[in-house]
Amino acid sequence: MSSYDVIVIGSGPGGYVAAIRCAQLGLKTACVEGRETLGGTCLNTGCIPSKALLHASHMLHEAEHNFAEMGLKGKSPSVDWKQMQTYKQSTVDTNTKGIEFLFKKNKIDWVKGWATIPEAGKVKVGDDVHEAKNIIIATGSEPSSLPGVEVDEKVVVTSTGALELGKVPNKMIVIGAGVIGLELGSVYSRLGAQVTVIEFLDAITPGMDPEVQKTFQRMLKKQGLEFIMGAAVQKTEATKTKAKVTYKLRKDDSEHSLDADVVLVATGRKPYYDGLDLEKLGIRLTKRGQIAITKNWETDVKGIYAIGDVTEGPMLAHKAEDEGMAVAEVIAGKHGHVNYGVIPSVIYTHPEVASVGETEETLKAEDRAYKVGKFSFMGNARAKANFAGDGFVKILADKETDRILGCHIIGPAAGDLIHEVCVAMEFGASAQDLAMTCHAHPTYSEAVREAALACGDGAIHM
């Protein structure tokens, strides 16, 4: 029987980061993972492979739409789907092998197999039982589905199947206008598929700034995506090569159907902890099926912690990473900290969409006085030169103190630009602090400064 200070169950962004931080803090650590490779859903079938396809398809879009205007003449590239899949897989392999190297470097034992927790302080993998003073559950999430929708990962697919299609479909239906659906819908639209998105609500990307939602949907429609909003999917019917989706419009309850080669079910994700027998252990779940935890990420059972997608909060890799570092600090007797008010979210379409902090709706609901500073990328020299002038930066600041409360960006490199606002918010900065900070010219980041200026006397270039 092996004995450890910490056993982490799951090697996704939360799990592997927790394991590495525990080891760095001098704790004897093991990580249990049943996949053939480390990295969890994110590195294997989620964040990383989808970004590879987003990048490749965006390069194709640039070649088809902007190269000629820049003086780059010649035939647009054709799509070699097999080679694109090889590129995607090599990206995945590089990252997962990198985690394996980090485990060896930090002397973390990788226990291969699927874990159960027979009792507090023990983790069973196969026939072997390992002792642990502390256990961290970081088992992530899995795609959720809808009644009447049966996934076969061939014709009716989740994000996992959508990354492994045998060919680019002529027609694709995406059920759900959230992050996953829009990112993968964008990939296949750029590659030539006719993509239709069916969404139950009346706006895409639920919870995002409404002005961003409207602008984003308009841009995606301009790129060729079609939207059916306010529609409740009733069922899918699949043959070997085709699928039919039946839906009802909420406004009049009328029933309609659409045919496609592939249906992508992108209706969100749910916590995954199969086989852990949490109820037998006495670990309480929330009404939404998440693991209930204290402010120190400990469950109702002393010495068993939970982080990432199995707990409350946004299902984001970087949220799990922050919690992984924080819980390691707690176990090592230090102070773990996660600022849940400053966790950015990003959609990696083109243009990118990023946000952090409050929206105008949340501020209005709380009756808080605020001001808005907004700047269009059409006023940004770098963006115009790069055919990326669509979109804007919006900063929300407290009306009295000028403290930054939130930021919403739709435009080029939004996922990178958002982080200077995150840093500013961590330090309690005002919009004026950002406005008085020199930004290099010409850069996209100048748009953030201009939005901060707009919170005061006004932007310069608008």
Protein backbone atom coordinates (compact mmCIF):
# COMPACT_ATOMS: atom_id res chain seq x y z
CA MET A 1 0.00 0.00 0.00
CA SER A 2 1.45 3.37 -1.11
CA SER A 3 1.08 6.35 1.19
CA TYR A 4 0.89 9.99 0.13
CA ASP A 5 0.30 13.42 1.60
CA VAL A 6 -2.04 14.20 -1.30
CA ILE A 7 -3.76 12.16 -4.00
CA VAL A 8 -5.39 14.17 -6.77
CA ILE A 9 -8.14 12.43 -8.74
CA GLY A 10 -8.16 13.80 -12.29
CA SER A 11 -5.38 15.37 -14.35
CA GLY A 12 -7.23 18.19 -16.07
CA PRO A 13 -6.20 21.85 -15.60
CA GLY A 14 -7.40 21.83 -11.99
CA GLY A 15 -5.95 18.44 -11.11
CA TYR A 16 -2.51 18.65 -12.68
CA VAL A 17 -1.96 22.20 -11.42
CA ALA A 18 -3.00 21.15 -7.90
CA ALA A 19 -0.62 18.19 -8.07
CA ILE A 20 2.32 20.31 -9.24
CA ARG A 21 1.70 22.98 -6.62
CA CYS A 22 1.41 20.37 -3.87
CA ALA A 23 4.72 18.86 -4.94
CA GLN A 24 6.36 22.30 -5.06
CA LEU A 25 5.22 22.83 -1.46
CA GLY A 26 6.99 19.66 -0.34
CA LEU A 27 4.00 17.30 -0.23
CA LYS A 28 4.35 13.72 -1.48
CA THR A 29 1.82 13.69 -4.31
CA ALA A 30 0.14 11.28 -6.70
CA CYS A 31 -2.38 11.94 -9.45
CA VAL A 32 -4.89 9.34 -10.64
CA GLU A 33 -5.87 9.47 -14.31
CA GLY A 34 -7.73 6.86 -16.33
CA ARG A 35 -7.00 8.30 -19.77
CA GLU A 36 -3.98 7.23 -21.75
CA THR A 37 -2.72 10.81 -21.59
CA LEU A 38 -2.72 13.56 -18.97
CA GLY A 39 -4.50 16.90 -19.30
CA GLY A 40 -8.15 15.92 -18.98
CA THR A 41 -10.88 17.11 -21.32
CA CYS A 42 -9.26 20.51 -21.87
CA LEU A 43 -6.00 19.31 -23.36
CA ASN A 44 -7.32 16.15 -25.04
CA THR A 45 -10.80 16.87 -26.38
CA GLY A 46 -11.62 20.47 -25.49
CA CYS A 47 -9.76 23.77 -25.20
CA ILE A 48 -6.55 22.84 -27.00
CA PRO A 49 -7.73 20.85 -30.04
CA SER A 50 -10.58 23.29 -30.66
CA LYS A 51 -8.14 26.23 -30.65
CA ALA A 52 -5.95 24.45 -33.18
CA LEU A 53 -8.93 24.10 -35.54
CA LEU A 54 -10.03 27.67 -34.86
CA HIS A 55 -6.55 28.92 -35.79
CA ALA A 56 -6.31 26.82 -38.94
CA SER A 57 -9.78 27.77 -40.17
CA HIS A 58 -9.11 31.46 -39.43
CA MET A 59 -5.98 31.34 -41.57
CA LEU A 60 -8.13 29.94 -44.39
CA HIS A 61 -10.63 32.77 -43.89
CA GLU A 62 -7.83 35.35 -44.07
CA ALA A 63 -6.49 33.80 -47.28
CA GLU A 64 -9.92 33.80 -48.89
CA HIS A 65 -11.02 37.28 -47.82
CA ASN A 66 -8.05 39.54 -47.06
CA PHE A 67 -4.88 38.29 -48.74
CA ALA A 68 -5.65 39.74 -52.19
CA GLU A 69 -6.27 43.21 -50.77
CA MET A 70 -2.85 43.09 -49.09
CA GLY A 71 -1.20 42.21 -52.39
CA LEU A 72 -0.87 38.52 -51.66
CA LYS A 73 -2.11 37.09 -54.94
CA GLY A 74 -2.63 33.49 -55.92
CA LYS A 75 -5.01 30.60 -55.52
CA SER A 76 -6.61 30.28 -52.09
CA PRO A 77 -5.50 27.14 -50.22
CA SER A 78 -7.69 24.06 -50.34
CA VAL A 79 -8.62 22.16 -47.19
CA ASP A 80 -6.72 18.96 -46.49
CA TRP A 81 -8.90 17.76 -43.62
CA LYS A 82 -6.70 14.78 -42.83
CA GLN A 83 -3.63 17.01 -42.48
CA MET A 84 -5.59 19.51 -40.38
CA GLN A 85 -6.53 16.67 -38.05
CA THR A 86 -2.86 15.65 -37.87
CA TYR A 87 -1.89 19.23 -36.97
CA LYS A 88 -4.60 19.30 -34.30
CA GLN A 89 -3.41 16.02 -32.80
CA SER A 90 0.24 17.06 -32.79
CA THR A 91 -0.79 20.17 -30.84
CA VAL A 92 -2.60 17.96 -28.32
CA ASP A 93 0.34 15.53 -28.06
CA THR A 94 2.84 18.32 -27.42
CA ASN A 95 0.76 19.67 -24.55
CA THR A 96 -0.10 16.35 -22.91
CA LYS A 97 3.53 15.19 -23.07
CA GLY A 98 4.47 18.50 -21.51
CA ILE A 99 2.29 17.70 -18.47
CA GLU A 100 3.90 14.25 -18.24
CA PHE A 101 7.33 15.92 -18.21
CA LEU A 102 6.22 18.30 -15.44
CA PHE A 103 5.01 15.35 -13.35
CA LYS A 104 8.42 13.68 -13.66
CA LYS A 105 10.23 16.94 -12.92
CA ASN A 106 8.20 17.44 -9.74
CA LYS A 107 8.36 13.75 -8.72
CA ILE A 108 4.59 13.24 -8.92
CA ASP A 109 3.43 9.65 -9.28
CA TRP A 110 0.95 9.09 -12.09
CA VAL A 111 -1.37 6.30 -10.93
CA LYS A 112 -2.97 5.02 -14.12
CA GLY A 113 -6.59 3.91 -13.88
CA TRP A 114 -9.98 5.01 -12.57
CA ALA A 115 -10.31 5.90 -8.92
CA THR A 116 -12.85 5.10 -6.24
CA ILE A 117 -12.81 6.39 -2.67
CA PRO A 118 -13.78 3.46 -0.41
CA GLU A 119 -13.39 5.64 2.69
CA ALA A 120 -11.79 8.88 3.80
CA GLY A 121 -8.03 8.67 3.50
CA LYS A 122 -8.03 5.90 0.91
CA VAL A 123 -8.12 5.81 -2.89
CA LYS A 124 -8.58 2.56 -4.78
CA VAL A 125 -7.33 2.18 -8.35
CA GLY A 126 -7.87 -1.26 -9.83
CA ASP A 127 -6.92 -3.75 -7.11
CA ASP A 128 -4.54 -1.35 -5.37
CA VAL A 129 -5.50 0.80 -2.39
CA HIS A 130 -3.44 3.91 -1.65
CA GLU A 131 -3.46 5.91 1.55
CA ALA A 132 -3.66 9.70 1.47
CA LYS A 133 -3.81 12.29 4.22
CA ASN A 134 -5.65 14.51 1.74
CA ILE A 135 -7.68 13.77 -1.40
CA ILE A 136 -8.53 16.34 -4.07
CA ILE A 137 -11.43 15.55 -6.41
CA ALA A 138 -10.77 17.24 -9.76
CA THR A 139 -12.72 15.00 -12.11
CA GLY A 140 -14.14 17.77 -14.28
CA SER A 141 -17.32 17.66 -16.33
CA GLU A 142 -18.97 15.94 -19.27
CA PRO A 143 -21.37 17.17 -21.98
CA SER A 144 -25.00 17.41 -20.97
CA SER A 145 -27.78 16.56 -23.40
CA LEU A 146 -31.50 17.03 -23.91
CA PRO A 147 -34.48 14.68 -23.69
CA GLY A 148 -35.12 13.14 -27.11
CA VAL A 149 -31.55 13.76 -28.27
CA GLU A 150 -29.47 10.60 -28.54
CA VAL A 151 -25.74 11.13 -29.13
CA ASP A 152 -23.82 8.58 -31.20
CA GLU A 153 -20.66 10.72 -31.73
CA LYS A 154 -20.92 10.08 -35.46
CA VAL A 155 -23.97 11.94 -36.76
CA VAL A 156 -25.29 13.43 -33.52
CA VAL A 157 -22.15 14.52 -31.69
CA THR A 158 -20.89 16.37 -28.64
CA SER A 159 -17.81 18.59 -28.81
CA THR A 160 -15.71 15.41 -28.56
CA GLY A 161 -17.18 13.92 -31.72
CA ALA A 162 -17.18 17.28 -33.50
CA LEU A 163 -13.39 17.37 -33.22
CA GLU A 164 -13.04 13.95 -34.84
CA LEU A 165 -15.42 14.08 -37.82
CA GLY A 166 -14.36 12.00 -40.80
CA LYS A 167 -14.96 14.90 -43.17
CA VAL A 168 -16.25 18.45 -43.23
CA PRO A 169 -20.07 18.23 -43.42
CA ASN A 170 -22.09 20.11 -46.02
CA LYS A 171 -24.70 21.01 -43.43
CA MET A 172 -24.35 21.22 -39.67
CA ILE A 173 -26.91 22.02 -37.00
CA VAL A 174 -25.62 23.32 -33.68
CA ILE A 175 -27.96 22.97 -30.70
CA GLY A 176 -27.02 25.72 -28.26
CA ALA A 177 -25.53 29.17 -28.86
CA GLY A 178 -23.00 29.08 -26.03
CA VAL A 179 -19.22 29.14 -26.20
CA ILE A 180 -18.66 25.58 -27.46
CA GLY A 181 -21.39 25.71 -30.09
CA LEU A 182 -20.27 29.04 -31.54
CA GLU A 183 -16.57 28.17 -31.56
CA LEU A 184 -17.01 24.84 -33.34
CA GLY A 185 -19.80 26.24 -35.51
CA SER A 186 -17.34 28.94 -36.63
CA VAL A 187 -14.71 26.33 -37.48
CA TYR A 188 -16.99 24.35 -39.79
CA SER A 189 -18.58 27.45 -41.29
CA ARG A 190 -15.13 28.71 -42.35
CA LEU A 191 -14.33 25.29 -43.77
CA GLY A 192 -17.38 25.45 -46.01
CA ALA A 193 -20.26 23.94 -44.05
CA GLN A 194 -23.68 25.57 -43.93
CA VAL A 195 -24.15 26.05 -40.17
CA THR A 196 -27.47 26.69 -38.43
CA VAL A 197 -27.54 27.38 -34.70
CA ILE A 198 -30.72 26.58 -32.74
CA GLU A 199 -30.98 28.36 -29.37
CA PHE A 200 -33.71 28.11 -26.72
CA LEU A 201 -33.20 31.67 -25.45
CA ASP A 202 -33.62 34.91 -27.38
CA ALA A 203 -29.94 35.87 -27.21
CA ILE A 204 -26.68 34.04 -27.81
CA THR A 205 -23.98 33.53 -25.14
CA PRO A 206 -26.25 33.70 -22.07
CA GLY A 207 -25.01 35.93 -19.27
CA MET A 208 -22.86 38.12 -21.48
CA ASP A 209 -23.23 41.87 -21.96
CA PRO A 210 -26.35 42.37 -24.16
CA GLU A 211 -24.64 44.91 -26.42
CA VAL A 212 -21.85 42.39 -27.01
CA GLN A 213 -24.43 39.66 -27.63
CA LYS A 214 -26.17 41.66 -30.38
CA THR A 215 -22.91 42.76 -32.01
CA PHE A 216 -21.49 39.25 -31.83
CA GLN A 217 -24.54 37.63 -33.40
CA ARG A 218 -24.57 40.22 -36.18
CA MET A 219 -20.91 39.51 -36.95
CA LEU A 220 -21.42 35.75 -36.98
CA LYS A 221 -24.40 36.10 -39.32
CA LYS A 222 -22.23 38.21 -41.61
CA GLN A 223 -19.73 35.32 -41.61
CA GLY A 224 -22.45 32.92 -42.76
CA LEU A 225 -23.88 31.35 -39.61
CA GLU A 226 -27.67 31.19 -39.44
CA PHE A 227 -29.62 31.45 -36.19
CA ILE A 228 -32.99 30.17 -35.03
CA MET A 229 -33.66 31.80 -31.68
CA GLY A 230 -36.33 31.04 -29.08
CA ALA A 231 -36.56 27.43 -30.23
CA ALA A 232 -36.95 24.34 -28.04
CA VAL A 233 -35.48 21.19 -29.60
CA GLN A 234 -37.89 18.28 -29.29
CA LYS A 235 -35.87 15.42 -30.73
CA THR A 236 -33.22 14.30 -33.16
CA GLU A 237 -33.54 11.39 -35.58
CA ALA A 238 -30.33 9.98 -37.04
CA THR A 239 -29.60 7.60 -39.89
CA LYS A 240 -26.13 6.41 -40.84
CA THR A 241 -25.36 9.58 -42.76
CA LYS A 242 -28.03 12.19 -41.94
CA ALA A 243 -29.96 13.64 -39.03
CA LYS A 244 -33.21 15.53 -38.57
CA VAL A 245 -33.82 17.99 -35.75
CA THR A 246 -37.38 18.80 -34.70
CA TYR A 247 -37.97 21.98 -32.70
CA LYS A 248 -40.79 24.24 -31.50
CA LEU A 249 -40.72 28.02 -31.60
CA ARG A 250 -41.56 29.35 -28.15
CA LYS A 251 -43.38 32.41 -29.51
CA ASP A 252 -46.20 30.43 -31.14
CA ASP A 253 -45.51 26.76 -30.27
CA SER A 254 -45.25 25.93 -33.99
CA GLU A 255 -43.23 22.82 -34.86
CA HIS A 256 -40.50 22.75 -37.49
CA SER A 257 -37.68 20.47 -38.61
CA LEU A 258 -34.28 20.74 -40.28
CA ASP A 259 -32.00 18.18 -41.90
CA ALA A 260 -28.22 18.11 -41.65
CA ASP A 261 -25.23 15.86 -42.11
CA VAL A 262 -24.08 16.43 -38.52
CA VAL A 263 -25.81 17.71 -35.39
CA LEU A 264 -23.60 19.17 -32.67
CA VAL A 265 -25.19 19.08 -29.22
CA ALA A 266 -23.67 22.02 -27.33
CA THR A 267 -26.12 22.50 -24.48
CA GLY A 268 -23.57 22.85 -21.71
CA ARG A 269 -21.73 20.51 -19.38
CA LYS A 270 -22.42 18.80 -16.07
CA PRO A 271 -20.15 17.66 -13.20
CA TYR A 272 -18.55 14.26 -13.62
CA TYR A 273 -17.78 12.08 -10.59
CA ASP A 274 -19.03 8.66 -11.63
CA GLY A 275 -17.71 5.79 -9.54
CA LEU A 276 -16.59 7.88 -6.58
CA ASP A 277 -19.66 6.94 -4.46
CA LEU A 278 -19.86 10.42 -2.97
CA GLU A 279 -23.14 9.83 -1.16
CA LYS A 280 -21.77 6.76 0.63
CA LEU A 281 -18.88 8.89 1.81
CA GLY A 282 -21.28 11.52 3.14
CA ILE A 283 -20.27 14.18 0.64
CA ARG A 284 -23.15 16.57 0.06
CA LEU A 285 -24.18 17.76 -3.40
CA THR A 286 -25.89 21.02 -4.34
CA LYS A 287 -29.31 21.15 -6.02
CA ARG A 288 -27.50 21.37 -9.37
CA GLY A 289 -25.50 18.23 -8.68
CA GLN A 290 -22.22 19.96 -7.86
CA ILE A 291 -20.03 18.98 -4.92
CA ALA A 292 -20.72 21.28 -1.97
CA ILE A 293 -17.54 22.77 -0.49
CA THR A 294 -16.44 25.23 2.20
CA LYS A 295 -14.51 28.44 1.53
CA ASN A 296 -11.34 26.31 1.73
CA TRP A 297 -12.61 23.89 -0.97
CA GLU A 298 -13.12 21.10 1.58
CA THR A 299 -16.17 18.84 1.35
CA ASP A 300 -18.28 17.69 4.29
CA VAL A 301 -15.72 14.92 4.79
CA LYS A 302 -12.53 16.16 6.44
CA GLY A 303 -9.46 15.73 4.25
CA ILE A 304 -11.44 15.43 0.99
CA TYR A 305 -11.44 18.52 -1.21
CA ALA A 306 -13.04 19.36 -4.56
CA ILE A 307 -12.14 21.89 -7.25
CA GLY A 308 -13.00 22.82 -10.83
CA ASP A 309 -16.05 21.83 -12.82
CA VAL A 310 -17.41 19.48 -10.13
CA THR A 311 -17.99 22.52 -7.89
CA GLU A 312 -20.05 25.70 -8.20
CA GLY A 313 -18.94 28.54 -10.45
CA PRO A 314 -18.02 28.95 -14.11
CA MET A 315 -16.78 25.80 -15.84
CA LEU A 316 -13.51 27.32 -16.98
CA ALA A 317 -10.05 25.74 -17.09
CA HIS A 318 -8.39 28.78 -15.53
CA LYS A 319 -10.90 28.86 -12.67
CA ALA A 320 -9.96 25.24 -11.95
CA GLU A 321 -6.25 26.10 -12.14
CA ASP A 322 -6.64 28.93 -9.63
CA GLU A 323 -8.52 26.61 -7.28
CA GLY A 324 -5.88 23.92 -7.76
CA MET A 325 -3.13 26.27 -6.60
CA ALA A 326 -5.27 27.63 -3.77
CA VAL A 327 -6.26 24.22 -2.34
CA ALA A 328 -2.62 23.10 -2.45
CA GLU A 329 -1.71 26.16 -0.38
CA VAL A 330 -4.46 25.34 2.13
CA ILE A 331 -3.33 21.72 2.49
CA ALA A 332 0.25 22.91 3.02
CA GLY A 333 -0.92 25.12 5.88
CA LYS A 334 -0.78 28.37 3.94
CA HIS A 335 -3.52 30.74 2.77
CA GLY A 336 -5.21 29.86 -0.52
CA HIS A 337 -6.95 32.64 -2.42
CA VAL A 338 -9.21 32.87 -5.49
CA ASN A 339 -10.86 36.16 -6.45
CA TYR A 340 -14.06 34.91 -8.08
CA GLY A 341 -15.00 38.45 -9.06
CA VAL A 342 -12.03 38.69 -11.42
CA ILE A 343 -12.22 35.51 -13.49
CA PRO A 344 -12.24 36.37 -17.20
CA SER A 345 -14.19 34.47 -19.82
CA VAL A 346 -13.22 34.26 -23.49
CA ILE A 347 -14.81 33.01 -26.70
CA TYR A 348 -12.14 32.20 -29.30
CA THR A 349 -14.08 32.93 -32.46
CA HIS A 350 -13.04 35.74 -34.78
CA PRO A 351 -13.43 38.32 -33.52
CA GLU A 352 -12.75 37.10 -30.00
CA VAL A 353 -15.08 37.99 -27.15
CA ALA A 354 -13.87 38.50 -23.58
CA SER A 355 -15.36 39.79 -20.37
CA VAL A 356 -14.57 40.16 -16.68
CA GLY A 357 -16.47 41.46 -13.69
CA GLU A 358 -19.89 43.08 -13.69
CA THR A 359 -22.26 43.69 -16.59
CA GLU A 360 -24.57 46.68 -16.90
CA GLU A 361 -27.48 44.35 -16.09
CA THR A 362 -25.98 43.12 -12.82
CA LEU A 363 -25.16 46.69 -11.78
CA LYS A 364 -28.67 47.88 -12.61
CA ALA A 365 -30.18 44.96 -10.70
CA GLU A 366 -28.16 45.99 -7.64
CA ASP A 367 -29.08 49.67 -8.17
CA ARG A 368 -25.40 50.67 -8.31
CA ALA A 369 -24.35 53.95 -9.88
CA TYR A 370 -21.87 53.40 -12.69
CA LYS A 371 -20.48 55.01 -15.82
CA VAL A 372 -19.52 53.54 -19.19
CA GLY A 373 -16.41 54.16 -21.26
CA LYS A 374 -16.58 52.72 -24.76
CA PHE A 375 -14.19 52.73 -27.71
CA SER A 376 -14.60 51.19 -31.16
CA PHE A 377 -11.77 49.28 -32.81
CA MET A 378 -12.51 51.37 -35.91
CA GLY A 379 -10.58 54.11 -34.14
CA ASN A 380 -7.57 51.83 -33.58
CA ALA A 381 -4.86 52.11 -36.25
CA ARG A 382 -3.50 48.59 -35.78
CA ALA A 383 -6.97 47.03 -36.01
CA LYS A 384 -7.81 48.90 -39.21
CA ALA A 385 -4.53 47.84 -40.82
CA ASN A 386 -5.28 44.21 -39.98
CA PHE A 387 -8.90 44.16 -41.22
CA ALA A 388 -10.02 43.85 -37.59
CA GLY A 389 -11.87 47.11 -37.01
CA ASP A 390 -15.16 45.52 -35.99
CA GLY A 391 -16.01 45.49 -32.30
CA PHE A 392 -15.36 47.61 -29.24
CA VAL A 393 -14.05 47.82 -25.68
CA LYS A 394 -16.49 48.73 -22.92
CA ILE A 395 -15.30 49.56 -19.40
CA LEU A 396 -17.71 49.92 -16.48
CA ALA A 397 -16.56 52.03 -13.53
CA ASP A 398 -18.10 53.17 -10.26
CA LYS A 399 -19.69 56.58 -10.81
CA GLU A 400 -18.34 58.03 -7.56
CA THR A 401 -14.96 56.34 -7.03
CA ASP A 402 -14.05 55.55 -10.68
CA ARG A 403 -13.02 52.05 -9.59
CA ILE A 404 -13.20 49.58 -12.49
CA LEU A 405 -16.13 47.17 -12.04
CA GLY A 406 -16.04 45.23 -15.29
CA CYS A 407 -14.91 45.15 -18.91
CA HIS A 408 -16.37 43.66 -22.08
CA ILE A 409 -14.42 43.36 -25.31
CA ILE A 410 -15.38 42.12 -28.75
CA GLY A 411 -12.59 42.47 -31.24
CA PRO A 412 -9.07 41.38 -32.17
CA ALA A 413 -7.07 39.62 -29.41
CA ALA A 414 -9.85 40.27 -26.89
CA GLY A 415 -8.77 37.21 -24.89
CA ASP A 416 -5.35 38.76 -24.34
CA LEU A 417 -6.46 42.38 -23.91
CA ILE A 418 -8.84 41.53 -21.07
CA HIS A 419 -5.97 40.69 -18.75
CA GLU A 420 -4.66 44.19 -18.22
CA VAL A 421 -8.13 45.00 -16.91
CA CYS A 422 -8.01 41.89 -14.70
CA VAL A 423 -4.71 43.06 -13.20
CA ALA A 424 -6.14 46.54 -12.72
CA MET A 425 -9.19 45.15 -10.94
CA GLU A 426 -7.03 42.96 -8.69
CA PHE A 427 -5.25 46.11 -7.53
CA GLY A 428 -8.50 48.07 -7.16
CA ALA A 429 -7.48 50.47 -9.94
CA SER A 430 -9.62 53.27 -11.28
CA ALA A 431 -10.42 53.87 -14.93
CA GLN A 432 -8.18 56.93 -14.69
CA ASP A 433 -5.27 54.69 -13.62
CA LEU A 434 -5.61 52.81 -16.90
CA ALA A 435 -6.14 56.01 -18.86
CA MET A 436 -2.90 57.53 -17.47
CA THR A 437 -0.82 54.43 -18.31
CA CYS A 438 1.23 54.78 -21.48
CA HIS A 439 0.34 52.14 -24.09
CA ALA A 440 2.60 51.36 -27.04
CA HIS A 441 1.50 52.55 -30.47
CA PRO A 442 0.26 50.99 -32.67
CA THR A 443 -1.27 48.18 -30.60
CA TYR A 444 -4.73 46.76 -30.05
CA SER A 445 -4.28 47.52 -26.35
CA GLU A 446 -4.62 51.24 -27.05
CA ALA A 447 -8.34 50.56 -27.43
CA VAL A 448 -8.46 49.57 -23.75
CA ARG A 449 -6.79 52.84 -22.75
CA GLU A 450 -9.18 54.80 -24.96
CA ALA A 451 -12.17 53.12 -23.30
CA ALA A 452 -10.70 54.09 -19.93
CA LEU A 453 -10.29 57.66 -21.18
CA ALA A 454 -13.94 57.57 -22.25
CA CYS A 455 -14.87 56.97 -18.61
CA GLY A 456 -13.50 60.46 -17.94
CA ASP A 457 -13.24 63.47 -20.26
CA GLY A 458 -13.44 61.38 -23.41
CA ALA A 459 -11.44 59.19 -25.77
CA ILE A 460 -8.86 60.84 -28.02
CA HIS A 461 -9.36 58.93 -31.27
CA MET A 462 -13.15 58.75 -31.37
